[in-house]
Amino acid sequence: MSNETKDLRDYLFRGLMFEAEAGKFQSAGIQVGADTKQAEERLLSEALSPFNVATRNNALEMARLYAVLHCFENEVRALIRETLEEKDGPDWIDKLPQKTKDFAASRQTAAFEDSWLEGEKSDLLGFVDFGQLSSVIVEREPAAAGGVLGTNAIVLGVNETTW
């Protein structure tokens, strides 16, 4: 093996070893590599700089609101997914209302065709409109309600957040 090949192999191996161990340091609170928070803030600042201050402030406020709604919506989906999987087994998705499945499948197809759309594309439940989740809860009662809350309380909460 030539020295150049050995040096390249050693360099790549050390890089892989570092990459494998970096996660342990990061989980212990030690920053390894570039500070992504600062980089993200700088990129966002640069992207928003052409706009006036009022528009930027409104955008940042909406971004915070969107983040909360996104988390809430996906927690509801996770609750429905976990509950129905527990009650109906791995084929729970086949037991969703047909209208809901058809709608979600068409949105999923569009997401695959429009490659610019980011995010998870393999989870069919992720393509169900948030408002339609209430129909899943009602039609799959009592499995979807899980006995934690009454169905009416869940549906009311979902419908109140749908715009």
Protein backbone atom coordinates (compact mmCIF):
# COMPACT_ATOMS: atom_id res chain seq x y z
CA MET A 1 0.00 0.00 0.00
CA SER A 2 1.45 3.37 -0.95
CA ASN A 3 1.92 6.14 1.60
CA GLU A 4 -0.70 8.29 -0.10
CA THR A 5 -3.28 5.50 0.05
CA LYS A 6 -2.41 4.77 3.69
CA ASP A 7 -2.62 8.45 4.60
CA LEU A 8 -6.00 8.78 2.88
CA ARG A 9 -7.31 5.64 4.60
CA ASP A 10 -6.08 6.86 8.00
CA TYR A 11 -7.61 10.31 7.44
CA LEU A 12 -10.99 8.85 6.48
CA PHE A 13 -10.93 6.35 9.34
CA ARG A 14 -10.12 9.08 11.89
CA GLY A 15 -12.95 11.18 10.49
CA LEU A 16 -15.42 8.31 10.82
CA MET A 17 -14.24 7.60 14.37
CA PHE A 18 -14.65 11.26 15.30
CA GLU A 19 -18.10 11.36 13.76
CA ALA A 20 -19.12 8.26 15.71
CA GLU A 21 -17.90 9.68 19.02
CA ALA A 22 -19.08 13.27 18.51
CA GLY A 23 -22.66 12.36 19.41
CA LYS A 24 -21.58 11.27 22.88
CA PHE A 25 -19.88 14.59 23.50
CA GLN A 26 -22.86 16.54 22.17
CA SER A 27 -25.31 14.63 24.37
CA ALA A 28 -23.09 15.55 27.35
CA GLY A 29 -23.49 19.23 26.44
CA ILE A 30 -20.09 19.68 24.83
CA GLN A 31 -20.22 21.58 21.56
CA VAL A 32 -18.49 19.73 18.75
CA GLY A 33 -18.16 21.35 15.35
CA ALA A 34 -19.88 24.49 14.16
CA ASP A 35 -22.52 26.15 16.29
CA THR A 36 -25.58 25.41 14.18
CA LYS A 37 -27.80 27.75 16.21
CA GLN A 38 -25.71 30.77 15.33
CA ALA A 39 -25.45 29.66 11.71
CA GLU A 40 -29.23 29.19 11.46
CA GLU A 41 -29.87 32.59 13.04
CA ARG A 42 -27.43 34.23 10.61
CA LEU A 43 -29.03 32.51 7.61
CA LEU A 44 -32.51 33.52 8.75
CA SER A 45 -31.35 37.09 9.32
CA GLU A 46 -29.84 37.21 5.84
CA ALA A 47 -32.96 35.73 4.25
CA LEU A 48 -35.23 38.26 5.98
CA SER A 49 -32.99 41.30 5.52
CA PRO A 50 -34.62 42.52 2.25
CA PHE A 51 -37.95 43.00 4.05
CA ASN A 52 -39.03 45.85 6.29
CA VAL A 53 -38.84 45.49 10.06
CA ALA A 54 -42.61 45.16 10.60
CA THR A 55 -42.86 42.36 8.02
CA ARG A 56 -39.85 40.56 9.56
CA ASN A 57 -41.33 40.81 13.06
CA ASN A 58 -44.67 39.45 11.86
CA ALA A 59 -42.89 36.59 10.09
CA LEU A 60 -40.93 35.68 13.22
CA GLU A 61 -44.09 35.78 15.33
CA MET A 62 -45.87 33.50 12.86
CA ALA A 63 -42.88 31.16 12.79
CA ARG A 64 -43.10 30.73 16.56
CA LEU A 65 -46.85 30.12 16.35
CA TYR A 66 -46.37 27.64 13.52
CA ALA A 67 -43.77 25.74 15.55
CA VAL A 68 -46.22 25.30 18.44
CA LEU A 69 -49.09 24.26 16.15
CA HIS A 70 -46.82 21.88 14.25
CA CYS A 71 -45.76 20.18 17.49
CA PHE A 72 -49.33 19.96 18.81
CA GLU A 73 -50.72 18.62 15.56
CA ASN A 74 -48.07 15.93 15.32
CA GLU A 75 -48.53 14.94 18.97
CA VAL A 76 -52.24 14.38 18.23
CA ARG A 77 -51.26 12.26 15.21
CA ALA A 78 -48.83 10.26 17.37
CA LEU A 79 -51.54 9.69 19.98
CA ILE A 80 -53.99 8.48 17.32
CA ARG A 81 -51.31 6.30 15.69
CA GLU A 82 -50.23 4.70 18.98
CA THR A 83 -53.79 4.14 20.19
CA LEU A 84 -55.04 2.61 16.95
CA GLU A 85 -51.94 0.48 16.56
CA GLU A 86 -52.46 -0.83 20.08
CA LYS A 87 -56.16 -1.52 19.50
CA ASP A 88 -56.11 -2.71 15.86
CA GLY A 89 -52.56 -3.93 15.32
CA PRO A 90 -50.14 -3.06 12.55
CA ASP A 91 -52.84 -2.81 9.86
CA TRP A 92 -54.68 -0.01 11.71
CA ILE A 93 -54.19 2.38 8.80
CA ASP A 94 -56.34 0.12 6.59
CA LYS A 95 -59.25 0.73 9.00
CA LEU A 96 -59.25 4.52 8.63
CA PRO A 97 -62.32 6.07 6.96
CA GLN A 98 -62.00 5.61 3.18
CA LYS A 99 -62.59 9.29 2.44
CA THR A 100 -59.77 10.24 4.81
CA LYS A 101 -57.40 7.66 3.31
CA ASP A 102 -58.17 8.80 -0.24
CA PHE A 103 -57.57 12.46 0.63
CA ALA A 104 -54.30 11.68 2.42
CA ALA A 105 -53.11 9.43 -0.42
CA SER A 106 -53.71 12.17 -3.00
CA ARG A 107 -51.77 14.69 -0.91
CA GLN A 108 -48.98 12.17 -0.41
CA THR A 109 -48.75 11.56 -4.17
CA ALA A 110 -48.57 15.32 -4.78
CA ALA A 111 -45.78 15.63 -2.20
CA PHE A 112 -43.72 12.95 -3.94
CA GLU A 113 -44.27 14.63 -7.31
CA ASP A 114 -43.34 18.07 -5.95
CA SER A 115 -39.83 17.31 -4.82
CA TRP A 116 -39.38 20.80 -3.35
CA LEU A 117 -41.75 19.94 -0.50
CA GLU A 118 -39.77 19.02 2.57
CA GLY A 119 -40.67 16.79 5.46
CA GLU A 120 -41.75 13.25 6.10
CA LYS A 121 -43.45 11.75 3.06
CA SER A 122 -43.92 8.11 3.99
CA ASP A 123 -46.42 8.54 6.85
CA LEU A 124 -49.95 8.56 5.42
CA LEU A 125 -51.40 9.94 8.66
CA GLY A 126 -49.15 12.98 8.23
CA PHE A 127 -51.13 13.89 5.13
CA VAL A 128 -54.49 13.83 6.88
CA ASP A 129 -55.74 17.39 7.44
CA PHE A 130 -55.76 18.25 11.09
CA GLY A 131 -59.52 18.80 10.98
CA GLN A 132 -60.02 15.35 9.47
CA LEU A 133 -58.34 13.80 12.48
CA SER A 134 -61.55 14.48 14.39
CA SER A 135 -63.42 12.22 11.95
CA VAL A 136 -60.85 9.51 12.61
CA ILE A 137 -61.47 9.91 16.34
CA VAL A 138 -65.26 9.84 15.98
CA GLU A 139 -65.41 6.93 13.51
CA ARG A 140 -62.88 4.85 15.43
CA GLU A 141 -64.37 5.48 18.86
CA PRO A 142 -63.74 4.07 21.43
CA ALA A 143 -60.31 3.01 20.16
CA ALA A 144 -59.20 6.52 19.26
CA ALA A 145 -60.57 8.09 22.41
CA GLY A 146 -58.70 5.55 24.48
CA GLY A 147 -60.82 6.38 27.51
CA VAL A 148 -58.46 9.23 28.43
CA LEU A 149 -60.84 11.97 27.35
CA GLY A 150 -64.34 11.85 26.04
CA THR A 151 -64.64 11.86 22.26
CA ASN A 152 -66.48 15.19 22.31
CA ALA A 153 -63.61 16.87 24.20
CA ILE A 154 -61.05 15.55 21.71
CA VAL A 155 -63.10 16.55 18.67
CA LEU A 156 -63.78 19.99 20.14
CA GLY A 157 -60.06 20.51 20.74
CA VAL A 158 -59.15 19.42 17.21
CA ASN A 159 -61.89 21.49 15.57
CA GLU A 160 -60.99 24.61 17.58
CA THR A 161 -57.43 24.53 16.23
CA THR A 162 -58.51 24.01 12.62
CA TRP A 163 -58.72 27.20 10.59
